[in-house]
């Protein structure tokens, strides 16, 4: 009975989105999620995840975005120009700016040789997006997602043109529509189901891990962390999915070759972190003016460059 009820509610939510504003739709979506939870029924994303990935735990970054009110309804900072976390990983052709050097959220870089138990690092773990909801695929697919239809999107979602939020959405759409670089496959996922499909297809297997950085308390400051355990993952073929600024949760996913690690650490204030780190072993083609080289005082192609991932990102890797 609960399953039939939740299916009806989901179908009705799509109709509501077509005929109403985003504000009304989000209220109904929260009701839908709470109703499913009250029925002890699985959400559509859970059902799909468990059917495709029965042996892969859902990472907290995804789980949190499919539940209402996890972060008290707060909204992310739409004024973020996003030359930080995702840019640090994918746009290595960008030169550094003075503002970036001063921004602690973009200086979580370190050398691979320093990634070992007993090492100490000054890091700042953040969520690049907060308060965003990952929509069920049926709902997400009913909303246009292209720069050409941005005016229609803003109207349907009741977002003021030329607002900070609208400008952030425009930038995300442009990022998603940029051609992939040589050797890379990219895709912007607007639902859990779409992310699962792209990641498993790109890796060529459903025997995967989906990893995200987990911090045991919110709002931790930039501080010194002591590493207690480092686990290198078995494959250098990975898919990164980075949280984007948008009216709802969108993930910029792309394939890349990098060494990835699970890193256990404890902060000076006692905060426990199970972090995900990525190390780029071939940096010879990267812009020598990129922030990473400035912070670490090294040159492209000389040593692997590593960075930790924020809590909103997911790394997909084969289990073997």
Protein backbone atom coordinates (compact mmCIF):
# COMPACT_ATOMS: atom_id res chain seq x y z
CA UNK A 1 0.00 0.00 0.00
CA UNK A 2 2.81 2.42 0.92
CA UNK A 3 4.62 1.67 -2.33
CA UNK A 4 1.51 2.43 -4.39
CA UNK A 5 0.92 5.60 -2.41
CA UNK A 6 4.49 6.82 -2.90
CA UNK A 7 4.28 6.08 -6.63
CA UNK A 8 1.09 8.13 -6.84
CA UNK A 9 2.68 11.01 -4.93
CA UNK A 10 5.75 10.99 -7.17
CA UNK A 11 3.59 11.07 -10.30
CA UNK A 12 1.53 13.91 -8.87
CA UNK A 13 4.68 15.86 -7.97
CA UNK A 14 5.74 15.85 -11.63
CA UNK A 15 2.35 17.25 -12.62
CA UNK A 16 2.61 19.87 -9.88
CA UNK A 17 6.04 20.98 -11.06
CA UNK A 18 4.74 21.46 -14.60
CA UNK A 19 1.80 23.58 -13.45
CA UNK A 20 3.18 25.38 -10.40
CA UNK A 21 6.23 27.19 -9.05
CA UNK A 22 9.37 25.61 -7.64
CA UNK A 23 8.48 26.90 -4.17
CA UNK A 24 5.17 25.01 -4.17
CA UNK A 25 6.85 21.99 -5.70
CA UNK A 26 9.58 21.84 -3.03
CA UNK A 27 6.97 21.98 -0.29
CA UNK A 28 5.20 19.05 -1.89
CA UNK A 29 8.47 17.21 -2.46
CA UNK A 30 9.28 17.48 1.25
CA UNK A 31 5.80 16.12 2.00
CA UNK A 32 6.39 13.27 -0.42
CA UNK A 33 9.71 12.33 1.17
CA UNK A 34 8.29 12.50 4.68
CA UNK A 35 5.25 10.45 3.65
CA UNK A 36 7.46 7.73 2.19
CA UNK A 37 9.59 7.74 5.33
CA UNK A 38 6.49 7.51 7.54
CA UNK A 39 5.36 4.49 5.53
CA UNK A 40 8.78 2.90 6.08
CA UNK A 41 9.02 2.54 2.31
CA UNK A 42 12.19 3.01 0.31
CA UNK A 43 12.66 6.16 -1.73
CA UNK A 44 12.93 5.75 -5.52
CA UNK A 45 16.68 6.51 -5.33
CA UNK A 46 17.14 3.86 -2.63
CA UNK A 47 15.26 1.24 -4.63
CA UNK A 48 17.31 1.93 -7.75
CA UNK A 49 20.60 2.03 -5.85
CA UNK A 50 19.92 -1.29 -4.11
CA UNK A 51 18.83 -2.97 -7.33
CA UNK A 52 21.94 -1.91 -9.27
CA UNK A 53 24.49 -1.74 -6.45
CA UNK A 54 23.34 -4.24 -3.78
CA UNK A 55 26.86 -4.59 -2.36
CA UNK A 56 27.80 -0.90 -2.39
CA UNK A 57 26.83 1.28 0.60
CA UNK A 58 25.33 4.64 -0.37
CA UNK A 59 27.78 7.40 0.66
CA UNK A 60 26.61 10.11 3.03
CA UNK A 61 26.95 12.81 0.35
CA UNK A 62 24.17 11.14 -1.64
CA UNK A 63 22.07 9.89 1.28
CA UNK A 64 21.86 13.36 2.85
CA UNK A 65 20.61 14.97 -0.35
CA UNK A 66 17.72 12.54 -0.77
CA UNK A 67 16.30 13.33 2.69
CA UNK A 68 14.38 16.49 3.61
CA UNK A 69 15.76 18.91 6.17
CA UNK A 70 19.11 17.19 6.74
CA UNK A 71 20.83 20.55 7.05
CA UNK A 72 17.90 22.51 8.39
CA UNK A 73 16.93 23.84 4.99
CA UNK A 74 19.96 26.10 4.69
CA UNK A 75 21.02 27.18 1.23
CA UNK A 76 24.46 27.10 -0.23
CA UNK A 77 26.40 30.22 -1.04
CA UNK A 78 25.18 31.09 -4.52
CA UNK A 79 27.79 33.81 -4.84
CA UNK A 80 30.57 31.21 -5.00
CA UNK A 81 32.41 31.65 -8.31
CA UNK A 82 33.46 28.02 -8.05
CA UNK A 83 37.11 28.24 -8.97
CA UNK A 84 37.77 26.22 -5.85
CA UNK A 85 36.94 22.59 -5.24
CA UNK A 86 35.77 21.28 -8.61
CA UNK A 87 37.94 23.75 -10.48
CA UNK A 88 40.96 22.62 -8.49
CA UNK A 89 40.37 19.15 -9.80
CA UNK A 90 39.25 19.62 -13.39
CA UNK A 91 40.36 23.02 -14.66
CA UNK A 92 44.10 22.69 -14.26
CA UNK A 93 44.54 25.13 -17.12
CA UNK A 94 43.40 28.02 -14.94
CA UNK A 95 46.01 30.42 -13.60
CA UNK A 96 46.01 31.39 -9.95
CA UNK A 97 44.62 34.67 -8.72
CA UNK A 98 45.52 36.56 -5.57
CA UNK A 99 42.01 35.97 -4.25
CA UNK A 100 42.35 32.22 -4.66
CA UNK A 101 45.60 32.09 -2.73
CA UNK A 102 43.91 33.87 0.17
CA UNK A 103 40.84 31.60 0.09
CA UNK A 104 41.42 28.65 2.45
CA UNK A 105 38.82 26.53 0.69
CA UNK A 106 41.01 26.22 -2.41
CA UNK A 107 44.33 25.42 -0.77
CA UNK A 108 43.71 21.83 0.37
CA UNK A 109 46.65 20.62 -1.71
CA UNK A 110 49.53 18.44 -0.59
CA UNK A 111 52.19 16.09 -1.97
CA UNK A 112 51.65 12.35 -2.22
CA UNK A 113 54.82 11.66 -0.24
CA UNK A 114 53.24 13.45 2.73
CA UNK A 115 50.20 11.17 2.76
CA UNK A 116 51.08 8.66 5.48
CA UNK A 117 50.14 7.81 9.10
CA UNK A 118 51.62 10.28 11.54
CA UNK A 119 51.63 13.16 9.07
CA UNK A 120 49.98 16.46 10.00
CA UNK A 121 48.16 18.69 7.53
CA UNK A 122 46.28 21.95 7.78
CA UNK A 123 42.97 21.39 5.98
CA UNK A 124 39.50 22.86 5.77
CA UNK A 125 36.58 20.50 5.08
CA UNK A 126 33.47 22.14 3.66
CA UNK A 127 30.28 21.34 1.80
CA UNK A 128 30.28 22.97 -1.61
CA UNK A 129 26.48 22.71 -1.67
CA UNK A 130 24.08 22.64 1.27
CA UNK A 131 20.33 22.36 1.52
CA UNK A 132 20.04 21.02 -2.05
CA UNK A 133 17.78 18.06 -2.79
CA UNK A 134 18.57 15.30 -5.25
CA UNK A 135 15.36 14.89 -7.21
CA UNK A 136 13.91 11.53 -8.25
CA UNK A 137 14.79 10.86 -11.90
CA UNK A 138 11.15 11.08 -13.03
CA UNK A 139 10.97 14.59 -11.59
CA UNK A 140 14.43 15.75 -12.71
CA UNK A 141 13.85 14.57 -16.27
CA UNK A 142 10.68 16.67 -16.48
CA UNK A 143 12.66 19.91 -15.99
CA UNK A 144 14.64 21.41 -18.92
CA UNK A 145 18.40 21.50 -18.35
CA UNK A 146 20.18 23.61 -20.94
CA UNK A 147 21.50 27.14 -21.38
CA UNK A 148 19.16 27.68 -24.31
CA UNK A 149 16.17 27.15 -22.01
CA UNK A 150 17.48 29.08 -19.00
CA UNK A 151 14.71 31.74 -19.14
CA UNK A 152 12.09 28.98 -19.10
CA UNK A 153 13.91 27.17 -16.27
CA UNK A 154 14.09 30.31 -14.13
CA UNK A 155 10.42 31.02 -14.73
CA UNK A 156 9.35 27.49 -13.84
CA UNK A 157 11.48 27.47 -10.71
CA UNK A 158 10.41 30.98 -9.65
CA UNK A 159 13.97 32.33 -9.70
CA UNK A 160 14.57 36.02 -10.48
CA UNK A 161 16.63 36.58 -13.67
CA UNK A 162 20.01 38.26 -13.02
CA UNK A 163 19.92 37.19 -9.38
CA UNK A 164 23.00 35.61 -7.81
CA UNK A 165 21.27 32.23 -7.88
CA UNK A 166 20.36 32.63 -11.57
CA UNK A 167 23.97 33.55 -12.43
CA UNK A 168 25.26 30.48 -10.56
CA UNK A 169 22.79 28.26 -12.44
CA UNK A 170 23.89 29.80 -15.74
CA UNK A 171 27.52 29.01 -14.92
CA UNK A 172 26.65 25.42 -14.01
CA UNK A 173 24.79 24.91 -17.27
CA UNK A 174 27.73 26.34 -19.23
CA UNK A 175 30.14 24.04 -17.39
CA UNK A 176 27.96 21.06 -18.20
CA UNK A 177 27.81 21.99 -21.87
CA UNK A 178 31.54 22.58 -22.37
CA UNK A 179 33.22 19.91 -24.54
CA UNK A 180 35.12 17.25 -22.62
CA UNK A 181 38.90 17.44 -22.73
CA UNK A 182 40.89 14.76 -24.57
CA UNK A 183 40.55 11.38 -22.94
CA UNK A 184 37.75 12.49 -20.62
CA UNK A 185 34.06 11.61 -20.56
CA UNK A 186 31.77 13.99 -18.70
CA UNK A 187 28.12 14.20 -17.73
CA UNK A 188 25.97 16.30 -15.41
CA UNK A 189 23.71 14.09 -13.32
CA UNK A 190 20.48 15.54 -11.96
CA UNK A 191 19.40 12.39 -10.12
CA UNK A 192 20.91 9.47 -8.22
CA UNK A 193 19.78 7.10 -10.92
CA UNK A 194 21.55 9.09 -13.65
CA UNK A 195 24.74 9.29 -11.58
CA UNK A 196 24.74 5.53 -10.96
CA UNK A 197 24.21 4.79 -14.65
CA UNK A 198 26.99 7.10 -15.83
CA UNK A 199 29.52 5.98 -13.23
CA UNK A 200 29.03 2.24 -13.62
CA UNK A 201 28.97 2.52 -17.41
CA UNK A 202 32.17 4.60 -17.44
CA UNK A 203 33.97 2.16 -15.14
CA UNK A 204 32.65 -0.87 -17.03
CA UNK A 205 31.46 -2.63 -13.89
CA UNK A 206 28.84 -2.54 -11.16
CA UNK A 207 31.33 -3.90 -8.65
CA UNK A 208 32.23 -0.43 -7.42
CA UNK A 209 32.83 1.71 -4.38
CA UNK A 210 31.20 5.11 -3.98
CA UNK A 211 33.20 7.20 -1.54
CA UNK A 212 32.67 10.64 0.00
CA UNK A 213 34.40 12.57 2.76
CA UNK A 214 32.60 12.21 6.10
CA UNK A 215 33.14 14.68 8.97
CA UNK A 216 31.63 13.88 12.36
CA UNK A 217 30.62 17.48 13.10
CA UNK A 218 29.42 20.36 10.97
CA UNK A 219 31.10 23.75 10.60
CA UNK A 220 34.62 22.64 11.43
CA UNK A 221 37.29 25.34 11.01
CA UNK A 222 40.47 25.21 9.02
CA UNK A 223 42.85 23.40 11.38
CA UNK A 224 45.67 20.88 11.78
CA UNK A 225 44.69 17.24 11.26
CA UNK A 226 46.76 14.19 12.24
CA UNK A 227 46.57 11.22 9.88
CA UNK A 228 46.07 7.83 11.53
CA UNK A 229 45.36 5.54 8.55
CA UNK A 230 45.80 5.65 4.77
CA UNK A 231 44.19 3.15 2.36
CA UNK A 232 45.11 3.32 -1.31
CA UNK A 233 42.31 2.25 -3.64
CA UNK A 234 43.03 -0.57 -6.11
CA UNK A 235 42.32 1.24 -9.40
CA UNK A 236 43.49 4.53 -10.89
CA UNK A 237 40.45 4.59 -13.21
CA UNK A 238 37.91 6.72 -11.37
CA UNK A 239 34.81 8.85 -11.83
CA UNK A 240 34.58 12.08 -9.85
CA UNK A 241 31.14 13.62 -9.24
CA UNK A 242 31.33 17.17 -7.92
CA UNK A 243 28.42 19.04 -6.35
CA UNK A 244 27.36 22.09 -8.38
CA UNK A 245 25.48 25.27 -7.50
CA UNK A 246 21.93 24.93 -8.80
CA UNK A 247 18.33 25.21 -7.63
CA UNK A 248 18.42 21.50 -6.83
CA UNK A 249 21.28 19.02 -6.53
CA UNK A 250 23.35 18.59 -9.71
CA UNK A 251 26.61 16.65 -9.95
CA UNK A 252 29.31 17.30 -12.54
CA UNK A 253 30.72 13.82 -13.19
CA UNK A 254 33.80 13.04 -15.26
CA UNK A 255 36.25 10.23 -15.82
CA UNK A 256 39.89 10.69 -14.90
CA UNK A 257 42.98 8.69 -14.01
CA UNK A 258 44.24 9.40 -10.52
CA UNK A 259 45.33 7.55 -7.42
CA UNK A 260 42.67 7.74 -4.73
CA UNK A 261 42.93 7.19 -1.00
CA UNK A 262 40.71 6.80 2.03
CA UNK A 263 42.34 8.75 4.86
CA UNK A 264 41.40 8.62 8.55
CA UNK A 265 42.38 11.71 10.53
CA UNK A 266 41.63 13.66 13.69
CA UNK A 267 41.57 17.45 13.95
CA UNK A 268 43.12 19.57 16.68
CA UNK A 269 39.63 20.12 18.13
CA UNK A 270 38.90 16.37 18.15
CA UNK A 271 36.91 16.28 14.90
CA UNK A 272 37.13 12.85 13.26
CA UNK A 273 37.26 12.73 9.48
CA UNK A 274 37.13 9.86 7.02
CA UNK A 275 38.45 11.78 4.04
CA UNK A 276 38.79 10.98 0.36
CA UNK A 277 41.95 12.23 -1.35
CA UNK A 278 42.95 12.22 -5.01
CA UNK A 279 46.51 12.38 -6.37
CA UNK A 280 47.25 13.42 -9.95
CA UNK A 281 50.40 11.61 -10.99
CA UNK A 282 50.90 13.24 -14.39
CA UNK A 283 50.79 17.03 -14.08
CA UNK A 284 53.08 17.82 -17.00
CA UNK A 285 50.25 19.39 -19.01
CA UNK A 286 48.87 21.52 -16.17
CA UNK A 287 49.14 25.31 -16.08
CA UNK A 288 52.26 26.21 -14.05
CA UNK A 289 50.33 29.21 -12.67
CA UNK A 290 47.65 27.01 -11.13
CA UNK A 291 47.03 27.54 -7.41
CA UNK A 292 48.32 24.05 -6.49
CA UNK A 293 51.82 24.75 -7.78
CA UNK A 294 51.88 28.13 -6.07
CA UNK A 295 50.85 26.68 -2.73
CA UNK A 296 53.24 23.71 -2.86
CA UNK A 297 56.10 25.56 -4.60
CA UNK A 298 56.64 22.83 -7.20
CA UNK A 299 56.54 22.70 -11.01
CA UNK A 300 54.26 20.70 -13.31
CA UNK A 301 55.44 17.19 -14.14
CA UNK A 302 57.81 16.90 -11.19
CA UNK A 303 55.76 15.28 -8.41
CA UNK A 304 52.20 14.00 -7.92
CA UNK A 305 49.80 16.68 -6.69
CA UNK A 306 47.07 15.66 -4.24
CA UNK A 307 44.00 17.30 -2.75
CA UNK A 308 41.25 16.28 -0.37
CA UNK A 309 37.64 16.29 -1.53
CA UNK A 310 34.80 18.25 0.10
CA UNK A 311 31.87 16.47 1.71
CA UNK A 312 29.59 17.09 -1.27
CA UNK A 313 31.72 15.16 -3.78
CA UNK A 314 31.67 11.44 -4.63
CA UNK A 315 34.49 9.30 -6.00
CA UNK A 316 33.56 6.11 -7.83
CA UNK A 317 36.19 3.37 -8.21
CA UNK A 318 36.18 -0.33 -9.13
CA UNK A 319 36.55 -2.56 -6.07
CA UNK A 320 39.39 -4.44 -7.79
